[in-house]
Amino acid sequence: MRTAVADGGRRVSVHLADQGQQALIVALSHQPAHEVANGTVLPELTRLGAVSCGTDTAEDGRRVWAVLDL
């Protein structure tokens, strides 16, 4: 979430979904044209228990996502 907030936009969206025994959490910055997050974000998510995680950018802003076992 800090990565999306650091993009400096006026809003951040957080989306949640579940499937089976896992939850998907996505934070979207709504600020286009930002570089992919620095190298500390994904290891931190893994340390916090993410089964998988990633980050990318698109026209609608930076996305940071993580899948967690429930």
N, C-alpha and C. Protein backbone atom coordinates (compact mmCIF):
# COMPACT_ATOMS: atom_id res chain seq x y z
N MET A 1 0.83 -1.18 0.00
CA MET A 1 0.00 0.00 0.00
C MET A 1 0.87 1.25 0.00
N ARG A 2 1.95 1.26 0.78
CA ARG A 2 2.82 2.44 0.81
C ARG A 2 3.35 2.79 -0.57
N THR A 3 3.62 1.77 -1.38
CA THR A 3 4.13 2.01 -2.73
C THR A 3 3.11 2.75 -3.56
N ALA A 4 1.86 2.37 -3.51
CA ALA A 4 0.81 3.05 -4.26
C ALA A 4 0.58 4.46 -3.73
N VAL A 5 0.61 4.63 -2.43
CA VAL A 5 0.43 5.96 -1.82
C VAL A 5 1.59 6.88 -2.20
N ALA A 6 2.79 6.34 -2.28
CA ALA A 6 3.97 7.14 -2.61
C ALA A 6 3.91 7.74 -4.00
N ASP A 7 3.03 7.25 -4.86
CA ASP A 7 2.90 7.80 -6.20
C ASP A 7 2.30 9.21 -6.19
N GLY A 8 1.75 9.64 -5.07
CA GLY A 8 1.30 11.02 -4.91
C GLY A 8 -0.07 11.35 -5.45
N GLY A 9 -0.88 10.36 -5.74
CA GLY A 9 -2.23 10.62 -6.24
C GLY A 9 -3.17 11.03 -5.12
N ARG A 10 -4.37 11.39 -5.52
CA ARG A 10 -5.38 11.79 -4.54
C ARG A 10 -6.15 10.60 -3.99
N ARG A 11 -5.99 9.43 -4.62
CA ARG A 11 -6.73 8.26 -4.14
C ARG A 11 -5.93 6.99 -4.42
N VAL A 12 -6.22 5.98 -3.63
CA VAL A 12 -5.68 4.64 -3.79
C VAL A 12 -6.85 3.69 -3.64
N SER A 13 -6.95 2.72 -4.54
CA SER A 13 -8.00 1.71 -4.44
C SER A 13 -7.38 0.42 -3.93
N VAL A 14 -8.12 -0.25 -3.06
CA VAL A 14 -7.72 -1.57 -2.58
C VAL A 14 -8.83 -2.54 -2.94
N HIS A 15 -8.46 -3.61 -3.64
CA HIS A 15 -9.43 -4.60 -4.09
C HIS A 15 -9.10 -5.93 -3.41
N LEU A 16 -10.14 -6.62 -2.98
CA LEU A 16 -9.99 -7.92 -2.33
C LEU A 16 -10.81 -8.96 -3.07
N ALA A 17 -10.27 -10.16 -3.18
CA ALA A 17 -11.00 -11.28 -3.78
C ALA A 17 -10.54 -12.55 -3.08
N ASP A 18 -11.42 -13.54 -3.07
CA ASP A 18 -11.02 -14.82 -2.49
C ASP A 18 -11.39 -15.95 -3.43
N GLN A 19 -10.60 -17.00 -3.37
CA GLN A 19 -10.87 -18.20 -4.15
C GLN A 19 -10.25 -19.36 -3.40
N GLY A 20 -11.05 -20.35 -3.13
CA GLY A 20 -10.57 -21.48 -2.35
C GLY A 20 -10.13 -21.00 -0.98
N GLN A 21 -8.93 -21.30 -0.62
CA GLN A 21 -8.39 -20.89 0.67
C GLN A 21 -7.34 -19.79 0.53
N GLN A 22 -7.50 -18.93 -0.49
CA GLN A 22 -6.55 -17.84 -0.70
C GLN A 22 -7.28 -16.53 -0.91
N ALA A 23 -6.60 -15.44 -0.56
CA ALA A 23 -7.12 -14.09 -0.78
C ALA A 23 -6.16 -13.33 -1.68
N LEU A 24 -6.72 -12.57 -2.61
CA LEU A 24 -5.94 -11.68 -3.47
C LEU A 24 -6.18 -10.26 -3.01
N ILE A 25 -5.11 -9.52 -2.78
CA ILE A 25 -5.19 -8.11 -2.37
C ILE A 25 -4.44 -7.30 -3.41
N VAL A 26 -5.11 -6.29 -3.98
CA VAL A 26 -4.51 -5.44 -5.01
C VAL A 26 -4.65 -3.99 -4.58
N ALA A 27 -3.55 -3.24 -4.62
CA ALA A 27 -3.59 -1.79 -4.38
C ALA A 27 -3.27 -1.11 -5.70
N LEU A 28 -4.08 -0.12 -6.08
CA LEU A 28 -3.93 0.60 -7.34
C LEU A 28 -3.77 2.08 -7.05
N SER A 29 -2.72 2.70 -7.61
CA SER A 29 -2.40 4.10 -7.28
C SER A 29 -3.19 5.12 -8.09
N HIS A 30 -3.73 4.77 -9.24
CA HIS A 30 -4.44 5.69 -10.13
C HIS A 30 -3.54 6.82 -10.63
N GLN A 31 -2.24 6.64 -10.60
CA GLN A 31 -1.28 7.61 -11.11
C GLN A 31 -0.48 6.95 -12.23
N PRO A 32 -0.78 7.27 -13.48
CA PRO A 32 -0.09 6.63 -14.60
C PRO A 32 1.36 7.10 -14.71
N ALA A 33 2.10 6.35 -15.50
CA ALA A 33 3.47 6.70 -15.90
C ALA A 33 4.49 6.64 -14.77
N HIS A 34 4.26 5.80 -13.79
CA HIS A 34 5.27 5.58 -12.75
C HIS A 34 6.04 4.32 -13.07
N GLU A 35 7.30 4.29 -12.66
CA GLU A 35 8.11 3.11 -12.86
C GLU A 35 7.63 1.97 -11.96
N VAL A 36 8.05 0.77 -12.29
CA VAL A 36 7.74 -0.38 -11.44
C VAL A 36 8.35 -0.13 -10.06
N ALA A 37 7.71 -0.61 -9.03
CA ALA A 37 8.14 -0.38 -7.64
C ALA A 37 9.59 -0.78 -7.40
N ASN A 38 10.20 -0.15 -6.42
CA ASN A 38 11.59 -0.49 -6.09
C ASN A 38 11.69 -1.93 -5.59
N GLY A 39 12.91 -2.42 -5.49
CA GLY A 39 13.15 -3.82 -5.18
C GLY A 39 12.83 -4.26 -3.76
N THR A 40 12.43 -3.37 -2.88
CA THR A 40 12.17 -3.77 -1.50
C THR A 40 10.73 -4.22 -1.26
N VAL A 41 9.82 -3.87 -2.16
CA VAL A 41 8.40 -4.15 -1.93
C VAL A 41 8.09 -5.64 -1.96
N LEU A 42 8.51 -6.34 -2.99
CA LEU A 42 8.15 -7.76 -3.13
C LEU A 42 8.78 -8.63 -2.05
N PRO A 43 10.05 -8.45 -1.70
CA PRO A 43 10.59 -9.24 -0.58
C PRO A 43 9.85 -8.98 0.74
N GLU A 44 9.42 -7.74 0.94
CA GLU A 44 8.67 -7.43 2.17
C GLU A 44 7.33 -8.16 2.18
N LEU A 45 6.63 -8.19 1.04
CA LEU A 45 5.36 -8.91 0.96
C LEU A 45 5.56 -10.40 1.21
N THR A 46 6.63 -10.96 0.66
CA THR A 46 6.94 -12.37 0.88
C THR A 46 7.22 -12.64 2.35
N ARG A 47 7.98 -11.74 2.98
CA ARG A 47 8.29 -11.89 4.40
C ARG A 47 7.02 -11.85 5.25
N LEU A 48 6.03 -11.09 4.80
CA LEU A 48 4.77 -10.99 5.52
C LEU A 48 3.83 -12.17 5.26
N GLY A 49 4.25 -13.11 4.40
CA GLY A 49 3.46 -14.32 4.20
C GLY A 49 2.79 -14.46 2.85
N ALA A 50 3.09 -13.60 1.89
CA ALA A 50 2.48 -13.73 0.57
C ALA A 50 2.97 -15.00 -0.11
N VAL A 51 2.04 -15.76 -0.67
CA VAL A 51 2.36 -16.97 -1.42
C VAL A 51 2.96 -16.56 -2.77
N SER A 52 2.40 -15.51 -3.36
CA SER A 52 2.94 -14.91 -4.57
C SER A 52 2.58 -13.43 -4.55
N CYS A 53 3.36 -12.63 -5.28
CA CYS A 53 3.11 -11.20 -5.30
C CYS A 53 3.76 -10.59 -6.54
N GLY A 54 3.38 -9.37 -6.86
CA GLY A 54 3.96 -8.72 -8.02
C GLY A 54 3.57 -7.26 -8.08
N THR A 55 4.14 -6.58 -9.04
CA THR A 55 3.82 -5.18 -9.27
C THR A 55 3.97 -4.89 -10.75
N ASP A 56 3.14 -4.01 -11.26
CA ASP A 56 3.25 -3.59 -12.64
C ASP A 56 2.62 -2.22 -12.80
N THR A 57 2.79 -1.63 -13.95
CA THR A 57 2.17 -0.35 -14.23
C THR A 57 1.32 -0.46 -15.49
N ALA A 58 0.28 0.34 -15.55
CA ALA A 58 -0.61 0.38 -16.70
C ALA A 58 -1.16 1.80 -16.80
N GLU A 59 -2.02 2.03 -17.77
CA GLU A 59 -2.59 3.37 -17.95
C GLU A 59 -3.35 3.85 -16.71
N ASP A 60 -3.92 2.91 -15.95
CA ASP A 60 -4.69 3.30 -14.77
C ASP A 60 -3.84 3.40 -13.51
N GLY A 61 -2.53 3.23 -13.63
CA GLY A 61 -1.64 3.42 -12.48
C GLY A 61 -0.85 2.19 -12.13
N ARG A 62 -0.12 2.30 -11.03
CA ARG A 62 0.68 1.19 -10.54
C ARG A 62 -0.20 0.22 -9.76
N ARG A 63 0.01 -1.07 -10.00
CA ARG A 63 -0.68 -2.12 -9.25
C ARG A 63 0.35 -2.90 -8.45
N VAL A 64 0.04 -3.11 -7.19
CA VAL A 64 0.84 -4.00 -6.32
C VAL A 64 -0.14 -5.04 -5.82
N TRP A 65 0.20 -6.31 -5.98
CA TRP A 65 -0.73 -7.36 -5.58
C TRP A 65 -0.01 -8.46 -4.80
N ALA A 66 -0.82 -9.15 -3.98
CA ALA A 66 -0.29 -10.27 -3.19
C ALA A 66 -1.40 -11.30 -3.01
N VAL A 67 -1.01 -12.57 -3.03
CA VAL A 67 -1.92 -13.68 -2.75
C VAL A 67 -1.50 -14.27 -1.40
N LEU A 68 -2.46 -14.42 -0.50
CA LEU A 68 -2.22 -14.94 0.84
C LEU A 68 -3.07 -16.17 1.09
N ASP A 69 -2.50 -17.17 1.76
CA ASP A 69 -3.28 -18.30 2.21
C ASP A 69 -4.15 -17.86 3.39
N LEU A 70 -5.39 -18.34 3.41
CA LEU A 70 -6.29 -18.02 4.52
C LEU A 70 -6.24 -19.09 5.58
